[in-house]
């Protein structure tokens, strides 16, 4: 079969190609540039724990070697500390902060070691055609040619050529927020901690400044600017740096200014993310970033969501329900994030003076912003696909656990079929469902015989009979789950359903729903047989 064509070699396109390769699907990545990433220390990204774990699982070593995890979070208002939070461990995991060029370099290195991925530089897309069996795209450049693929995914950024060739509108709001940014090496009073300071008391400080640590003593500082304010000159930006450092440290400490910039954030959402065999992902599908929301985080989740569905289509065929579920799940999730940001902006940025003096109002505003930066609440928490078209019908045997259906599962420690111990998150992204049995006491089982113990033979037979490939795992404990609870988990780590005990018929129905029902080709063959 033809490979999947990925247009764009930024973090989202590279991640998608790696996720496809991990599931045995070849891809061609068309890179408009020359493949060389220019270092920009002030251009950094914040990844939530789930997306950071995903790119590391795909082989990106720089998230481990060149990223920083914060030891704490500090929220201040005027001269007072409002909130301090220690980060680290399973209960309060830290986001990962990394320069974008380092992330991209790590992904490119991982791509270079994948035989299923072909990365083609200097290839600018200028035509796209579709038919019943695949897609054809044409690229300009030194090696101008036509490329044939099973599907095409536009990961080509805010000015996406794929989106324009598909005639998809991209409505939204322009200049929602504007920030001045500086990357510098210095010492701050709270080493390793990220901070958010609202209404700092020193002159010309603006309404808000954040400081987020990077490795090797480097910090990224962001100042909130008026969305359509005056130009920020280099001298004015240096003055902000000096005043801010003096405000925090008592006097301006020695510092090395590495990089500066001014960037404007827009909020936009493509009206459609799928047209037949063509899809959009990342900035080609959505723009967000105000109030601490992370656009790249959502783009990586797009890639994770789409990869296993394209893998199912590539290997076994897929129903329209499965392919349509990408837009139904991801566009709905990003739309909710944008809606939450748009509803919060008037309160946090343009609220009346009276509102800021109401009891508890300022503290609530700080908590909302902190949650957005840390990946909690409506502005930051991982998405829940509660109303997905892939959700199974409710069955009487379903039971509640600490994870609601459609949400990402907890990263429990599990025992794999060969008897080794692993984290549940490490078993994701392999193009198969996961069936997890909660069995307290299994840690003392003789691992040579665990597949024949208790309910395991019956559950193993039920897993073998599922309509899609699945891996059987066992865990001693899972949040909110009773003994002998069975969890069904999608390849991207979202919970399909949980059952009280071994229920082969209900488990089969849930697995069939998770794959979107019969593939279109199989359904056509069955209809022909009936006729």
Protein backbone atom coordinates (compact mmCIF):
# COMPACT_ATOMS: atom_id res chain seq x y z
CA UNK A 1 0.00 0.00 0.00
CA UNK A 2 0.98 3.63 -0.45
CA UNK A 3 2.44 5.53 2.52
CA UNK A 4 0.68 8.24 4.47
CA UNK A 5 1.82 11.67 3.23
CA UNK A 6 2.58 14.12 6.04
CA UNK A 7 2.92 17.73 4.91
CA UNK A 8 5.08 19.71 7.31
CA UNK A 9 8.17 18.73 9.31
CA UNK A 10 7.55 20.64 12.51
CA UNK A 11 7.02 18.89 15.85
CA UNK A 12 3.46 17.79 14.99
CA UNK A 13 4.31 16.35 11.55
CA UNK A 14 7.42 14.57 12.86
CA UNK A 15 5.50 13.18 15.84
CA UNK A 16 2.73 11.89 13.58
CA UNK A 17 5.22 10.13 11.31
CA UNK A 18 6.92 8.50 14.30
CA UNK A 19 3.59 7.42 15.79
CA UNK A 20 2.62 5.86 12.45
CA UNK A 21 5.96 4.07 12.18
CA UNK A 22 5.55 2.65 15.69
CA UNK A 23 2.34 1.05 14.41
CA UNK A 24 3.92 -0.29 11.22
CA UNK A 25 2.70 2.41 8.82
CA UNK A 26 5.17 4.03 6.36
CA UNK A 27 5.04 7.75 5.70
CA UNK A 28 6.59 10.43 3.51
CA UNK A 29 7.19 13.74 5.30
CA UNK A 30 7.32 16.71 2.94
CA UNK A 31 9.40 19.52 4.42
CA UNK A 32 9.09 22.94 2.83
CA UNK A 33 12.40 24.02 4.39
CA UNK A 34 15.95 22.75 4.16
CA UNK A 35 15.71 20.65 7.31
CA UNK A 36 17.91 22.93 9.42
CA UNK A 37 16.40 24.26 12.64
CA UNK A 38 17.78 27.63 13.76
CA UNK A 39 18.30 27.78 17.55
CA UNK A 40 16.04 30.33 19.25
CA UNK A 41 16.38 30.09 23.05
CA UNK A 42 13.37 32.38 23.58
CA UNK A 43 11.10 30.14 21.51
CA UNK A 44 10.19 27.40 23.93
CA UNK A 45 7.29 25.01 24.47
CA UNK A 46 5.63 23.61 27.57
CA UNK A 47 4.49 19.99 27.33
CA UNK A 48 2.05 18.40 29.76
CA UNK A 49 3.08 15.07 31.30
CA UNK A 50 1.02 13.03 28.80
CA UNK A 51 2.46 14.67 25.68
CA UNK A 52 6.01 14.73 27.07
CA UNK A 53 5.76 10.99 27.77
CA UNK A 54 4.40 10.37 24.28
CA UNK A 55 7.26 12.05 22.40
CA UNK A 56 9.82 10.36 24.66
CA UNK A 57 8.15 7.01 23.98
CA UNK A 58 8.56 7.73 20.26
CA UNK A 59 12.32 8.09 20.67
CA UNK A 60 12.80 11.83 21.21
CA UNK A 61 15.71 11.87 23.67
CA UNK A 62 15.98 15.66 23.96
CA UNK A 63 12.86 15.88 26.15
CA UNK A 64 14.86 13.95 28.72
CA UNK A 65 18.28 15.49 28.10
CA UNK A 66 17.51 19.13 27.24
CA UNK A 67 14.17 19.83 28.91
CA UNK A 68 13.50 21.13 32.43
CA UNK A 69 10.89 19.92 34.87
CA UNK A 70 9.96 22.54 37.44
CA UNK A 71 10.39 21.80 41.13
CA UNK A 72 7.56 24.12 42.05
CA UNK A 73 5.10 26.81 41.04
CA UNK A 74 4.83 30.25 42.64
CA UNK A 75 1.98 32.70 42.04
CA UNK A 76 2.40 36.31 43.23
CA UNK A 77 0.24 39.42 43.17
CA UNK A 78 1.76 42.82 43.84
CA UNK A 79 4.09 42.15 46.82
CA UNK A 80 2.46 38.99 48.13
CA UNK A 81 2.78 35.27 47.47
CA UNK A 82 -0.67 33.96 46.57
CA UNK A 83 0.08 30.30 45.96
CA UNK A 84 3.06 27.97 46.23
CA UNK A 85 2.98 24.40 44.98
CA UNK A 86 5.64 21.72 45.01
CA UNK A 87 5.83 19.73 41.78
CA UNK A 88 7.16 16.27 41.05
CA UNK A 89 6.00 12.70 41.50
CA UNK A 90 2.77 11.04 40.42
CA UNK A 91 0.43 13.25 42.46
CA UNK A 92 1.62 16.64 41.12
CA UNK A 93 3.70 15.99 37.99
CA UNK A 94 5.58 18.89 36.48
CA UNK A 95 5.19 20.10 32.92
CA UNK A 96 8.26 19.85 30.71
CA UNK A 97 9.83 23.09 29.42
CA UNK A 98 12.12 22.79 26.39
CA UNK A 99 13.36 25.02 23.54
CA UNK A 100 11.38 24.20 20.43
CA UNK A 101 14.52 23.77 18.32
CA UNK A 102 15.76 21.12 20.78
CA UNK A 103 12.43 19.27 20.62
CA UNK A 104 12.44 19.37 16.81
CA UNK A 105 16.05 18.19 16.67
CA UNK A 106 15.25 15.25 18.93
CA UNK A 107 12.28 14.28 16.78
CA UNK A 108 14.37 14.55 13.59
CA UNK A 109 17.01 12.30 15.11
CA UNK A 110 14.35 9.73 15.96
CA UNK A 111 12.96 9.98 12.40
CA UNK A 112 16.45 9.36 10.97
CA UNK A 113 16.51 5.98 12.73
CA UNK A 114 13.13 4.90 11.33
CA UNK A 115 13.20 2.94 8.10
CA UNK A 116 9.45 3.49 7.59
CA UNK A 117 9.81 7.29 7.35
CA UNK A 118 11.13 9.20 4.36
CA UNK A 119 11.86 12.88 5.06
CA UNK A 120 12.07 15.04 1.92
CA UNK A 121 13.43 18.59 2.22
CA UNK A 122 12.74 21.56 -0.08
CA UNK A 123 9.33 20.20 -1.07
CA UNK A 124 6.61 22.83 -1.23
CA UNK A 125 3.10 21.54 -1.89
CA UNK A 126 1.13 23.16 -4.71
CA UNK A 127 -1.53 20.61 -5.73
CA UNK A 128 -3.66 17.93 -4.07
CA UNK A 129 -5.98 15.41 -5.71
CA UNK A 130 -8.06 12.61 -4.22
CA UNK A 131 -9.77 9.52 -5.60
CA UNK A 132 -11.42 6.42 -4.17
CA UNK A 133 -8.14 4.60 -3.51
CA UNK A 134 -5.78 7.33 -2.35
CA UNK A 135 -4.36 10.82 -2.71
CA UNK A 136 -1.84 12.46 -5.04
CA UNK A 137 0.07 15.61 -4.16
CA UNK A 138 2.52 17.64 -6.22
CA UNK A 139 5.52 19.46 -4.81
CA UNK A 140 7.64 22.25 -6.23
CA UNK A 141 11.35 22.60 -5.64
CA UNK A 142 14.54 21.00 -6.98
CA UNK A 143 12.88 17.60 -7.20
CA UNK A 144 9.41 18.66 -8.30
CA UNK A 145 7.25 15.56 -8.56
CA UNK A 146 3.94 13.87 -7.79
CA UNK A 147 3.61 11.77 -4.63
CA UNK A 148 1.05 9.01 -4.11
CA UNK A 149 -0.33 8.14 -0.68
CA UNK A 150 -3.15 6.38 1.13
CA UNK A 151 -3.99 9.57 3.08
CA UNK A 152 -2.53 13.06 3.48
CA UNK A 153 -2.27 15.05 6.71
CA UNK A 154 -1.63 18.78 6.69
CA UNK A 155 0.71 19.62 9.59
CA UNK A 156 1.96 22.67 7.73
CA UNK A 157 1.19 25.42 10.21
CA UNK A 158 -1.06 28.43 10.50
CA UNK A 159 -0.78 29.30 6.80
CA UNK A 160 -1.43 25.70 5.77
CA UNK A 161 -1.32 25.02 2.04
CA UNK A 162 -3.25 21.79 2.58
CA UNK A 163 -6.06 23.69 4.28
CA UNK A 164 -6.18 26.24 1.46
CA UNK A 165 -6.19 23.55 -1.26
CA UNK A 166 -9.10 21.88 0.55
CA UNK A 167 -10.92 25.25 0.68
CA UNK A 168 -11.46 24.99 4.45
CA UNK A 169 -12.24 28.23 6.24
CA UNK A 170 -10.17 29.21 9.31
CA UNK A 171 -12.23 31.72 11.32
CA UNK A 172 -11.30 33.14 14.70
CA UNK A 173 -9.89 36.10 16.59
CA UNK A 174 -6.73 38.04 15.75
CA UNK A 175 -4.26 39.44 18.30
CA UNK A 176 -5.86 37.94 21.40
CA UNK A 177 -2.67 38.46 23.41
CA UNK A 178 0.77 39.90 22.81
CA UNK A 179 3.94 39.13 24.78
CA UNK A 180 7.50 40.36 24.97
CA UNK A 181 9.90 37.49 25.63
CA UNK A 182 13.50 37.17 26.78
CA UNK A 183 15.73 34.15 27.37
CA UNK A 184 18.55 34.88 29.75
CA UNK A 185 21.01 33.17 32.07
CA UNK A 186 20.87 34.44 35.64
CA UNK A 187 20.04 33.47 39.23
CA UNK A 188 16.56 34.10 40.63
CA UNK A 189 15.46 33.77 44.28
CA UNK A 190 13.49 30.57 43.54
CA UNK A 191 15.80 28.25 41.56
CA UNK A 192 13.96 25.59 39.59
CA UNK A 193 10.50 27.07 40.27
CA UNK A 194 8.25 28.65 37.66
CA UNK A 195 6.46 31.82 38.71
CA UNK A 196 3.54 33.99 37.68
CA UNK A 197 3.57 37.58 38.98
CA UNK A 198 0.42 39.67 38.45
CA UNK A 199 0.47 43.44 38.93
CA UNK A 200 4.13 43.58 39.98
CA UNK A 201 4.86 46.74 42.01
CA UNK A 202 7.88 48.12 40.16
CA UNK A 203 7.58 50.84 37.45
CA UNK A 204 6.68 49.96 33.85
CA UNK A 205 6.24 46.30 34.78
CA UNK A 206 2.92 45.81 33.00
CA UNK A 207 0.08 43.66 34.29
CA UNK A 208 1.77 40.28 34.30
CA UNK A 209 5.17 38.61 34.00
CA UNK A 210 6.07 34.92 34.10
CA UNK A 211 9.44 33.26 34.68
CA UNK A 212 9.98 29.64 33.64
CA UNK A 213 13.28 27.80 34.15
CA UNK A 214 15.20 25.91 31.47
CA UNK A 215 18.34 23.80 31.93
CA UNK A 216 21.79 25.34 32.61
CA UNK A 217 20.52 28.33 34.58
CA UNK A 218 18.49 29.76 31.67
CA UNK A 219 15.09 31.39 32.22
CA UNK A 220 12.37 32.46 29.84
CA UNK A 221 10.61 35.64 30.92
CA UNK A 222 7.28 36.74 29.37
CA UNK A 223 5.66 40.14 29.80
CA UNK A 224 2.01 40.63 28.87
CA UNK A 225 1.59 43.56 26.47
CA UNK A 226 -1.44 45.40 25.18
CA UNK A 227 -2.76 43.35 22.19
CA UNK A 228 -2.33 46.23 19.76
CA UNK A 229 0.12 48.41 21.66
CA UNK A 230 3.22 50.25 20.63
CA UNK A 231 6.33 48.65 19.21
CA UNK A 232 8.74 47.23 21.78
CA UNK A 233 12.21 48.56 21.06
CA UNK A 234 15.36 46.65 22.10
CA UNK A 235 16.15 49.34 24.68
CA UNK A 236 12.66 49.10 26.15
CA UNK A 237 12.92 45.32 26.40
CA UNK A 238 16.31 45.52 28.14
CA UNK A 239 14.79 48.01 30.58
CA UNK A 240 12.00 45.52 31.32
CA UNK A 241 14.57 42.82 31.97
CA UNK A 242 16.58 44.98 34.37
CA UNK A 243 13.53 46.33 36.24
CA UNK A 244 12.02 42.86 36.60
CA UNK A 245 15.22 41.27 37.88
CA UNK A 246 15.72 44.16 40.32
CA UNK A 247 12.12 43.84 41.49
CA UNK A 248 12.58 40.17 42.29
CA UNK A 249 16.17 40.24 43.55
CA UNK A 250 16.42 43.67 45.24
CA UNK A 251 18.92 44.81 42.64
CA UNK A 252 19.70 43.76 39.10
CA UNK A 253 21.90 40.64 39.31
CA UNK A 254 24.44 39.69 36.65
CA UNK A 255 22.70 38.21 33.63
CA UNK A 256 23.46 37.06 30.09
CA UNK A 257 20.78 37.98 27.55
CA UNK A 258 20.52 35.13 25.02
CA UNK A 259 17.48 35.94 22.88
CA UNK A 260 14.46 38.24 22.75
CA UNK A 261 11.26 38.52 20.79
CA UNK A 262 7.71 39.79 20.63
CA UNK A 263 4.91 37.48 19.58
CA UNK A 264 1.17 37.81 19.04
CA UNK A 265 -1.32 35.06 19.84
CA UNK A 266 -4.37 34.34 17.71
CA UNK A 267 -7.34 32.06 18.33
CA UNK A 268 -8.62 30.22 15.25
CA UNK A 269 -10.38 26.93 14.52
CA UNK A 270 -10.73 25.29 11.10
CA UNK A 271 -14.34 24.52 10.24
CA UNK A 272 -13.47 21.01 9.07
CA UNK A 273 -10.54 18.76 9.93
CA UNK A 274 -11.25 16.01 7.42
CA UNK A 275 -12.13 15.98 3.73
CA UNK A 276 -12.27 12.36 2.52
CA UNK A 277 -8.66 11.10 2.77
CA UNK A 278 -7.18 14.46 3.78
CA UNK A 279 -6.83 15.65 7.38
CA UNK A 280 -5.56 18.71 9.26
CA UNK A 281 -3.55 18.69 12.50
CA UNK A 282 -1.70 21.14 14.72
CA UNK A 283 -1.61 24.82 13.78
CA UNK A 284 -3.14 23.98 10.40
CA UNK A 285 -6.33 23.06 12.31
CA UNK A 286 -6.24 25.40 15.30
CA UNK A 287 -4.44 28.33 16.90
CA UNK A 288 -4.51 28.97 20.63
CA UNK A 289 -2.12 30.02 23.36
CA UNK A 290 -3.65 32.80 25.46
CA UNK A 291 -3.76 32.52 29.27
CA UNK A 292 -1.14 29.79 29.36
CA UNK A 293 -2.88 27.36 27.02
CA UNK A 294 -0.45 25.38 24.88
CA UNK A 295 -1.08 25.10 21.14
CA UNK A 296 1.70 22.56 20.51
CA UNK A 297 0.38 20.36 23.30
CA UNK A 298 -2.93 20.15 21.45
CA UNK A 299 -1.16 19.51 18.15
CA UNK A 300 0.69 16.54 19.64
CA UNK A 301 -2.61 15.19 20.92
CA UNK A 302 -3.97 15.56 17.38
CA UNK A 303 -1.11 13.37 16.14
CA UNK A 304 -1.64 10.77 18.88
CA UNK A 305 -5.37 10.60 18.19
CA UNK A 306 -5.07 10.38 14.41
CA UNK A 307 -2.12 7.97 14.20
CA UNK A 308 -3.86 4.88 15.57
CA UNK A 309 -6.94 5.49 13.42
CA UNK A 310 -4.88 5.82 10.25
CA UNK A 311 -2.95 2.70 11.30
CA UNK A 312 -6.22 0.80 11.61
CA UNK A 313 -7.27 2.08 8.18
CA UNK A 314 -3.90 1.23 6.62
CA UNK A 315 -3.65 -2.31 8.00
CA UNK A 316 -7.27 -3.45 8.21
CA UNK A 317 -9.50 -0.82 6.66
CA UNK A 318 -11.58 1.62 8.71
CA UNK A 319 -15.18 2.68 8.94
CA UNK A 320 -16.25 6.24 8.26
CA UNK A 321 -17.19 6.38 11.94
CA UNK A 322 -13.58 5.76 12.97
CA UNK A 323 -12.11 8.32 10.57
CA UNK A 324 -14.79 10.90 11.37
CA UNK A 325 -14.13 10.43 15.09
CA UNK A 326 -10.82 12.29 14.72
CA UNK A 327 -12.64 15.54 14.02
CA UNK A 328 -15.47 14.74 16.42
CA UNK A 329 -13.05 14.21 19.30
CA UNK A 330 -10.19 16.59 18.65
CA UNK A 331 -12.05 19.55 17.19
CA UNK A 332 -14.58 19.36 20.02
CA UNK A 333 -11.79 19.27 22.61
CA UNK A 334 -9.91 22.23 21.12
CA UNK A 335 -13.16 24.18 20.66
CA UNK A 336 -13.88 23.69 24.37
CA UNK A 337 -10.40 24.95 25.23
CA UNK A 338 -10.85 28.03 23.04
CA UNK A 339 -14.29 28.66 24.49
CA UNK A 340 -12.93 28.47 28.04
CA UNK A 341 -10.14 30.91 27.14
CA UNK A 342 -12.52 33.32 25.43
CA UNK A 343 -14.85 33.26 28.45
CA UNK A 344 -11.95 33.82 30.85
CA UNK A 345 -10.25 36.63 28.94
CA UNK A 346 -12.75 39.38 29.83
CA UNK A 347 -12.49 38.44 33.50
CA UNK A 348 -8.71 38.10 33.66
CA UNK A 349 -7.68 40.78 31.19
CA UNK A 350 -10.57 43.20 30.80
CA UNK A 351 -12.65 42.90 33.96
CA UNK A 352 -13.94 45.95 35.77
CA UNK A 353 -11.90 47.49 38.55
CA UNK A 354 -14.68 46.69 41.04
CA UNK A 355 -14.50 42.98 40.21
CA UNK A 356 -10.81 42.78 41.15
CA UNK A 357 -11.63 44.04 44.67
CA UNK A 358 -14.45 41.56 45.38
CA UNK A 359 -13.52 39.13 48.19
CA UNK A 360 -11.65 36.16 46.77
CA UNK A 361 -11.81 37.38 43.17
CA UNK A 362 -8.09 38.01 42.73
CA UNK A 363 -7.19 34.69 44.33
CA UNK A 364 -9.64 32.91 42.01
CA UNK A 365 -8.11 34.64 38.99
CA UNK A 366 -4.62 33.57 40.05
CA UNK A 367 -5.80 29.98 40.53
CA UNK A 368 -7.38 29.95 37.06
CA UNK A 369 -4.17 31.20 35.42
CA UNK A 370 -1.98 28.85 37.45
CA UNK A 371 -4.12 25.86 36.46
CA UNK A 372 -3.78 26.83 32.80
CA UNK A 373 0.02 26.92 33.05
CA UNK A 374 0.19 23.66 35.02
CA UNK A 375 -2.28 21.67 32.90
CA UNK A 376 -5.35 21.62 35.14
CA UNK A 377 -8.94 22.79 34.84
CA UNK A 378 -10.80 23.88 31.70
CA UNK A 379 -7.78 25.78 30.33
CA UNK A 380 -5.19 23.05 30.80
CA UNK A 381 -6.44 19.56 31.68
CA UNK A 382 -6.09 16.70 29.16
CA UNK A 383 -9.23 16.21 27.03
CA UNK A 384 -12.03 13.79 27.87
CA UNK A 385 -13.84 12.26 24.89
CA UNK A 386 -17.02 11.55 26.84
CA UNK A 387 -19.32 11.94 23.84
CA UNK A 388 -17.11 10.27 21.25
CA UNK A 389 -18.78 8.38 18.39
CA UNK A 390 -16.48 5.51 19.44
CA UNK A 391 -18.02 5.27 22.91
CA UNK A 392 -19.83 1.95 23.47
CA UNK A 393 -23.44 1.73 24.58
CA UNK A 394 -23.81 1.49 28.31
CA UNK A 395 -23.98 -2.05 29.64
CA UNK A 396 -25.22 -3.19 33.04
CA UNK A 397 -21.83 -4.78 33.75
CA UNK A 398 -19.96 -1.50 33.36
CA UNK A 399 -18.60 -0.05 36.60
CA UNK A 400 -17.11 3.24 37.69
CA UNK A 401 -13.38 3.70 38.38
CA UNK A 402 -11.23 6.72 39.18
CA UNK A 403 -11.03 7.54 35.46
CA UNK A 404 -14.21 8.53 33.66
CA UNK A 405 -14.92 6.95 30.30
CA UNK A 406 -13.16 8.89 27.54
CA UNK A 407 -10.47 10.31 29.83
CA UNK A 408 -6.75 9.40 29.81
CA UNK A 409 -6.00 6.43 32.04
CA UNK A 410 -3.75 6.63 35.08
CA UNK A 411 -0.18 5.49 34.53
CA UNK A 412 -0.43 2.36 36.67
CA UNK A 413 2.31 -0.25 36.92
CA UNK A 414 1.31 -3.37 34.98
CA UNK A 415 2.54 -6.88 34.30
CA UNK A 416 2.94 -7.71 30.59
CA UNK A 417 2.24 -11.07 28.91
CA UNK A 418 5.86 -12.18 29.26
CA UNK A 419 5.73 -11.53 33.01
CA UNK A 420 7.80 -8.34 33.06
CA UNK A 421 6.80 -5.15 34.86
CA UNK A 422 6.13 -1.90 32.99
CA UNK A 423 4.20 1.36 33.17
CA UNK A 424 0.82 1.38 31.45
CA UNK A 425 1.81 4.50 29.50
CA UNK A 426 4.74 2.59 27.97
CA UNK A 427 2.33 0.10 26.34
CA UNK A 428 0.44 2.79 24.43
CA UNK A 429 0.79 3.77 20.78
CA UNK A 430 1.29 0.26 19.40
CA UNK A 431 -1.88 0.07 17.31
CA UNK A 432 -3.67 -2.25 19.71
CA UNK A 433 -6.23 -2.00 22.47
CA UNK A 434 -5.16 -2.73 26.03
CA UNK A 435 -7.21 -4.93 28.34
CA UNK A 436 -6.16 -4.42 31.96
CA UNK A 437 -7.26 -6.71 34.79
CA UNK A 438 -7.13 -5.28 38.32
CA UNK A 439 -5.93 -8.19 40.44
CA UNK A 440 -4.58 -7.36 43.93
CA UNK A 441 -1.85 -9.69 45.06
CA UNK A 442 -0.54 -10.56 41.62
CA UNK A 443 2.86 -9.25 42.65
CA UNK A 444 3.45 -12.51 44.51
CA UNK A 445 2.28 -14.74 41.68
CA UNK A 446 4.77 -17.09 40.11
CA UNK A 447 5.16 -15.30 36.79
CA UNK A 448 5.72 -18.58 34.98
CA UNK A 449 2.12 -19.53 35.74
CA UNK A 450 0.24 -16.24 35.99
CA UNK A 451 -1.63 -16.68 32.67
CA UNK A 452 -3.29 -19.82 34.11
CA UNK A 453 -4.24 -18.31 37.47
CA UNK A 454 -7.72 -17.26 38.60
CA UNK A 455 -9.89 -15.60 35.95
CA UNK A 456 -6.96 -15.20 33.56
CA UNK A 457 -7.73 -18.14 31.22
CA UNK A 458 -11.29 -16.91 30.64
CA UNK A 459 -10.16 -13.30 30.16
CA UNK A 460 -7.33 -14.37 27.83
CA UNK A 461 -9.82 -16.27 25.67
CA UNK A 462 -12.10 -13.20 25.56
CA UNK A 463 -9.20 -10.97 24.50
CA UNK A 464 -8.18 -13.40 21.75
CA UNK A 465 -11.74 -13.33 20.39
CA UNK A 466 -11.93 -9.51 20.13
CA UNK A 467 -12.49 -8.02 16.65
CA UNK A 468 -9.23 -6.05 16.88
CA UNK A 469 -5.78 -6.84 18.21
CA UNK A 470 -5.43 -6.31 21.95
CA UNK A 471 -2.83 -6.88 24.66
CA UNK A 472 -3.74 -8.35 28.05
CA UNK A 473 -2.13 -6.70 31.08
CA UNK A 474 -2.54 -7.09 34.85
CA UNK A 475 -2.20 -4.45 37.57
CA UNK A 476 -2.31 -4.85 41.33
CA UNK A 477 -4.20 -1.63 41.81
CA UNK A 478 -5.93 1.12 39.82
CA UNK A 479 -7.50 4.30 41.25
CA UNK A 480 -11.11 3.69 42.26
CA UNK A 481 -11.21 0.13 40.88
CA UNK A 482 -12.33 -2.95 42.80
CA UNK A 483 -10.67 -6.34 42.45
CA UNK A 484 -11.35 -8.11 39.12
CA UNK A 485 -12.31 -4.87 37.36
CA UNK A 486 -11.43 -5.05 33.65
CA UNK A 487 -10.41 -1.86 31.82
CA UNK A 488 -10.50 -1.45 28.03
CA UNK A 489 -8.04 1.21 26.86
CA UNK A 490 -7.54 2.74 23.40
CA UNK A 491 -4.09 2.89 21.74
CA UNK A 492 -3.90 6.61 22.65
CA UNK A 493 -4.52 5.90 26.33
CA UNK A 494 -8.16 6.95 26.69
CA UNK A 495 -10.50 4.69 28.64
CA UNK A 496 -13.18 2.99 26.54
CA UNK A 497 -15.04 1.28 29.39
CA UNK A 498 -14.54 -0.56 32.67
CA UNK A 499 -16.36 -3.75 33.63
CA UNK A 500 -17.07 -5.52 36.91
CA UNK A 501 -15.42 -8.86 36.20
CA UNK A 502 -14.82 -10.78 32.99
CA UNK A 503 -17.66 -10.07 30.56
CA UNK A 504 -16.70 -11.45 27.12
CA UNK A 505 -19.80 -10.27 25.22
CA UNK A 506 -19.72 -6.74 26.65
CA UNK A 507 -15.96 -6.52 26.17
CA UNK A 508 -16.35 -7.55 22.51
CA UNK A 509 -19.09 -4.93 21.95
CA UNK A 510 -16.95 -2.19 23.52
CA UNK A 511 -13.90 -3.15 21.41
CA UNK A 512 -16.05 -3.15 18.27
CA UNK A 513 -17.37 0.32 19.15
CA UNK A 514 -13.82 1.58 19.78
CA UNK A 515 -12.78 0.59 16.25
CA UNK A 516 -15.85 2.34 14.82
CA UNK A 517 -17.60 -0.91 13.85
CA UNK A 518 -16.89 -2.93 10.74
CA UNK A 519 -14.49 -1.36 8.23
CA UNK A 520 -16.26 0.04 5.18
CA UNK A 521 -14.88 -2.66 2.87
CA UNK A 522 -15.97 -5.48 5.19
CA UNK A 523 -19.43 -3.96 5.51
CA UNK A 524 -19.74 -3.78 1.71
CA UNK A 525 -18.66 -7.42 1.38
CA UNK A 526 -21.19 -8.51 3.99
CA UNK A 527 -23.97 -6.59 2.23
CA UNK A 528 -23.04 -8.23 -1.07
CA UNK A 529 -23.13 -11.68 0.55
CA UNK A 530 -26.58 -11.03 1.97
CA UNK A 531 -27.89 -9.87 -1.39
